[in-house]
Amino acid sequence: MRRLNTEGSVRLEDHYAIAPLERIDVDPVLEMIRDKRYLVTHAPRQTGKTSALKALAGRLETSGDCRCVYVNVAVGNPPAKTRTPQFGPSSASLRS
């Protein structure tokens, strides 16, 4: 059963939400990635930055355009209580 989420990443199968990639203009982001440019996402907490990043990683993994790794380097964040993020079919090889 889905529920409202108040912390952590959005999982559409578990939470009521708008799909993360429907909230952003993906084409300029994909262009920046193709051009190997830096991308900075700056927004208030709990606005979907991480959810959009993970959804974008899933899209890139599924398309075969690149391999993605998610690393949280924030100081003081406890380890995630949720399952390991699934980016796409090749993510299993990244966890082994």
C-alpha atoms as a PDB file:
ATOM      1  CA  MET A   1       0.000   0.000   0.000  1.00  0.00           C
ATOM      2  CA  ARG A   2       1.363   3.427  -0.943  1.00  0.00           C
ATOM      3  CA  ARG A   3       1.737   6.191   1.620  1.00  0.00           C
ATOM      4  CA  LEU A   4       2.922   9.788   1.885  1.00  0.00           C
ATOM      5  CA  ASN A   5       6.673  10.030   2.302  1.00  0.00           C
ATOM      6  CA  THR A   6       8.194  12.547   4.720  1.00  0.00           C
ATOM      7  CA  GLU A   7      11.878  11.607   4.506  1.00  0.00           C
ATOM      8  CA  GLY A   8      14.362   9.944   2.215  1.00  0.00           C
ATOM      9  CA  SER A   9      14.067   9.158  -1.464  1.00  0.00           C
ATOM     10  CA  VAL A  10      10.758   8.723  -3.238  1.00  0.00           C
ATOM     11  CA  ARG A  11       9.934   5.247  -4.512  1.00  0.00           C
ATOM     12  CA  LEU A  12       6.908   5.476  -6.786  1.00  0.00           C
ATOM     13  CA  GLU A  13       5.806   1.932  -5.943  1.00  0.00           C
ATOM     14  CA  ASP A  14       5.670   2.878  -2.231  1.00  0.00           C
ATOM     15  CA  HIS A  15       4.867   6.615  -2.134  1.00  0.00           C
ATOM     16  CA  TYR A  16       2.361   9.067  -3.539  1.00  0.00           C
ATOM     17  CA  ALA A  17       4.392  11.386  -5.760  1.00  0.00           C
ATOM     18  CA  ILE A  18       4.893  12.897  -9.180  1.00  0.00           C
ATOM     19  CA  ALA A  19       7.527  10.908 -11.069  1.00  0.00           C
ATOM     20  CA  PRO A  20      10.883  12.648 -10.435  1.00  0.00           C
ATOM     21  CA  LEU A  21      11.824  13.107 -14.094  1.00  0.00           C
ATOM     22  CA  GLU A  22       8.441  14.686 -14.859  1.00  0.00           C
ATOM     23  CA  ARG A  23       9.312  17.565 -12.512  1.00  0.00           C
ATOM     24  CA  ILE A  24      12.487  18.662 -14.275  1.00  0.00           C
ATOM     25  CA  ASP A  25      13.526  19.557 -17.805  1.00  0.00           C
ATOM     26  CA  VAL A  26      15.636  16.486 -18.561  1.00  0.00           C
ATOM     27  CA  ASP A  27      16.989  17.449 -22.002  1.00  0.00           C
ATOM     28  CA  PRO A  28      19.418  20.176 -20.789  1.00  0.00           C
ATOM     29  CA  VAL A  29      20.635  17.852 -18.040  1.00  0.00           C
ATOM     30  CA  LEU A  30      21.288  15.024 -20.531  1.00  0.00           C
ATOM     31  CA  GLU A  31      23.113  17.501 -22.782  1.00  0.00           C
ATOM     32  CA  MET A  32      25.359  18.555 -19.892  1.00  0.00           C
ATOM     33  CA  ILE A  33      26.131  14.906 -19.152  1.00  0.00           C
ATOM     34  CA  ARG A  34      26.903  14.178 -22.822  1.00  0.00           C
ATOM     35  CA  ASP A  35      29.194  17.247 -22.909  1.00  0.00           C
ATOM     36  CA  LYS A  36      30.939  16.018 -19.712  1.00  0.00           C
ATOM     37  CA  ARG A  37      30.078  19.248 -17.895  1.00  0.00           C
ATOM     38  CA  TYR A  38      29.514  19.686 -14.176  1.00  0.00           C
ATOM     39  CA  LEU A  39      25.974  19.717 -12.910  1.00  0.00           C
ATOM     40  CA  VAL A  40      24.972  21.223  -9.566  1.00  0.00           C
ATOM     41  CA  THR A  41      21.514  20.766  -8.112  1.00  0.00           C
ATOM     42  CA  HIS A  42      20.682  23.302  -5.429  1.00  0.00           C
ATOM     43  CA  ALA A  43      17.279  23.420  -3.754  1.00  0.00           C
ATOM     44  CA  PRO A  44      15.751  23.295  -0.265  1.00  0.00           C
ATOM     45  CA  ARG A  45      15.629  19.990   1.561  1.00  0.00           C
ATOM     46  CA  GLN A  46      12.824  17.539   0.806  1.00  0.00           C
ATOM     47  CA  THR A  47      12.200  18.918  -2.703  1.00  0.00           C
ATOM     48  CA  GLY A  48      13.213  15.826  -4.697  1.00  0.00           C
ATOM     49  CA  LYS A  49      16.874  16.413  -5.568  1.00  0.00           C
ATOM     50  CA  THR A  50      18.012  12.893  -4.646  1.00  0.00           C
ATOM     51  CA  SER A  51      14.913  11.271  -6.124  1.00  0.00           C
ATOM     52  CA  ALA A  52      15.512  13.087  -9.431  1.00  0.00           C
ATOM     53  CA  LEU A  53      19.196  12.141  -9.382  1.00  0.00           C
ATOM     54  CA  LYS A  54      18.424   8.452  -8.798  1.00  0.00           C
ATOM     55  CA  ALA A  55      15.700   8.461 -11.469  1.00  0.00           C
ATOM     56  CA  LEU A  56      18.115  10.082 -13.924  1.00  0.00           C
ATOM     57  CA  ALA A  57      20.747   7.455 -13.070  1.00  0.00           C
ATOM     58  CA  GLY A  58      18.168   4.737 -13.730  1.00  0.00           C
ATOM     59  CA  ARG A  59      17.299   6.247 -17.101  1.00  0.00           C
ATOM     60  CA  LEU A  60      20.962   6.485 -18.108  1.00  0.00           C
ATOM     61  CA  GLU A  61      21.704   2.924 -16.938  1.00  0.00           C
ATOM     62  CA  THR A  62      18.678   1.500 -18.750  1.00  0.00           C
ATOM     63  CA  SER A  63      19.548   3.311 -21.985  1.00  0.00           C
ATOM     64  CA  GLY A  64      23.100   1.969 -21.844  1.00  0.00           C
ATOM     65  CA  ASP A  65      24.526   5.484 -22.246  1.00  0.00           C
ATOM     66  CA  CYS A  66      26.614   5.207 -19.095  1.00  0.00           C
ATOM     67  CA  ARG A  67      27.097   3.430 -15.800  1.00  0.00           C
ATOM     68  CA  CYS A  68      26.026   5.310 -12.696  1.00  0.00           C
ATOM     69  CA  VAL A  69      27.166   5.177  -9.095  1.00  0.00           C
ATOM     70  CA  TYR A  70      25.440   7.024  -6.255  1.00  0.00           C
ATOM     71  CA  VAL A  71      27.637   8.090  -3.337  1.00  0.00           C
ATOM     72  CA  ASN A  72      26.416  10.186  -0.408  1.00  0.00           C
ATOM     73  CA  VAL A  73      29.358  12.140   1.012  1.00  0.00           C
ATOM     74  CA  ALA A  74      27.358  14.322   3.404  1.00  0.00           C
ATOM     75  CA  VAL A  75      28.905  14.539   6.847  1.00  0.00           C
ATOM     76  CA  GLY A  76      26.777  13.265   9.701  1.00  0.00           C
ATOM     77  CA  ASN A  77      24.205  11.368   7.640  1.00  0.00           C
ATOM     78  CA  PRO A  78      23.461   7.947   9.098  1.00  0.00           C
ATOM     79  CA  PRO A  79      23.508   4.973   6.711  1.00  0.00           C
ATOM     80  CA  ALA A  80      20.323   4.598   4.687  1.00  0.00           C
ATOM     81  CA  LYS A  81      17.627   2.472   6.319  1.00  0.00           C
ATOM     82  CA  THR A  82      16.130   1.550   2.957  1.00  0.00           C
ATOM     83  CA  ARG A  83      17.229  -1.007   0.424  1.00  0.00           C
ATOM     84  CA  THR A  84      20.099  -0.385  -2.001  1.00  0.00           C
ATOM     85  CA  PRO A  85      18.947   1.874  -4.863  1.00  0.00           C
ATOM     86  CA  GLN A  86      18.191   0.025  -8.084  1.00  0.00           C
ATOM     87  CA  PHE A  87      19.452   1.989 -11.092  1.00  0.00           C
ATOM     88  CA  GLY A  88      18.898  -0.529 -13.847  1.00  0.00           C
ATOM     89  CA  PRO A  89      19.749  -3.982 -15.110  1.00  0.00           C
ATOM     90  CA  SER A  90      23.511  -3.575 -14.623  1.00  0.00           C
ATOM     91  CA  SER A  91      23.268  -2.291 -11.023  1.00  0.00           C
ATOM     92  CA  ALA A  92      23.614  -5.831  -9.675  1.00  0.00           C
ATOM     93  CA  SER A  93      27.154  -6.014 -11.067  1.00  0.00           C
ATOM     94  CA  LEU A  94      28.027  -2.752  -9.289  1.00  0.00           C
ATOM     95  CA  ARG A  95      27.015  -4.140  -5.882  1.00  0.00           C
ATOM     96  CA  SER A  96      29.064  -7.331  -6.135  1.00  0.00           C
END
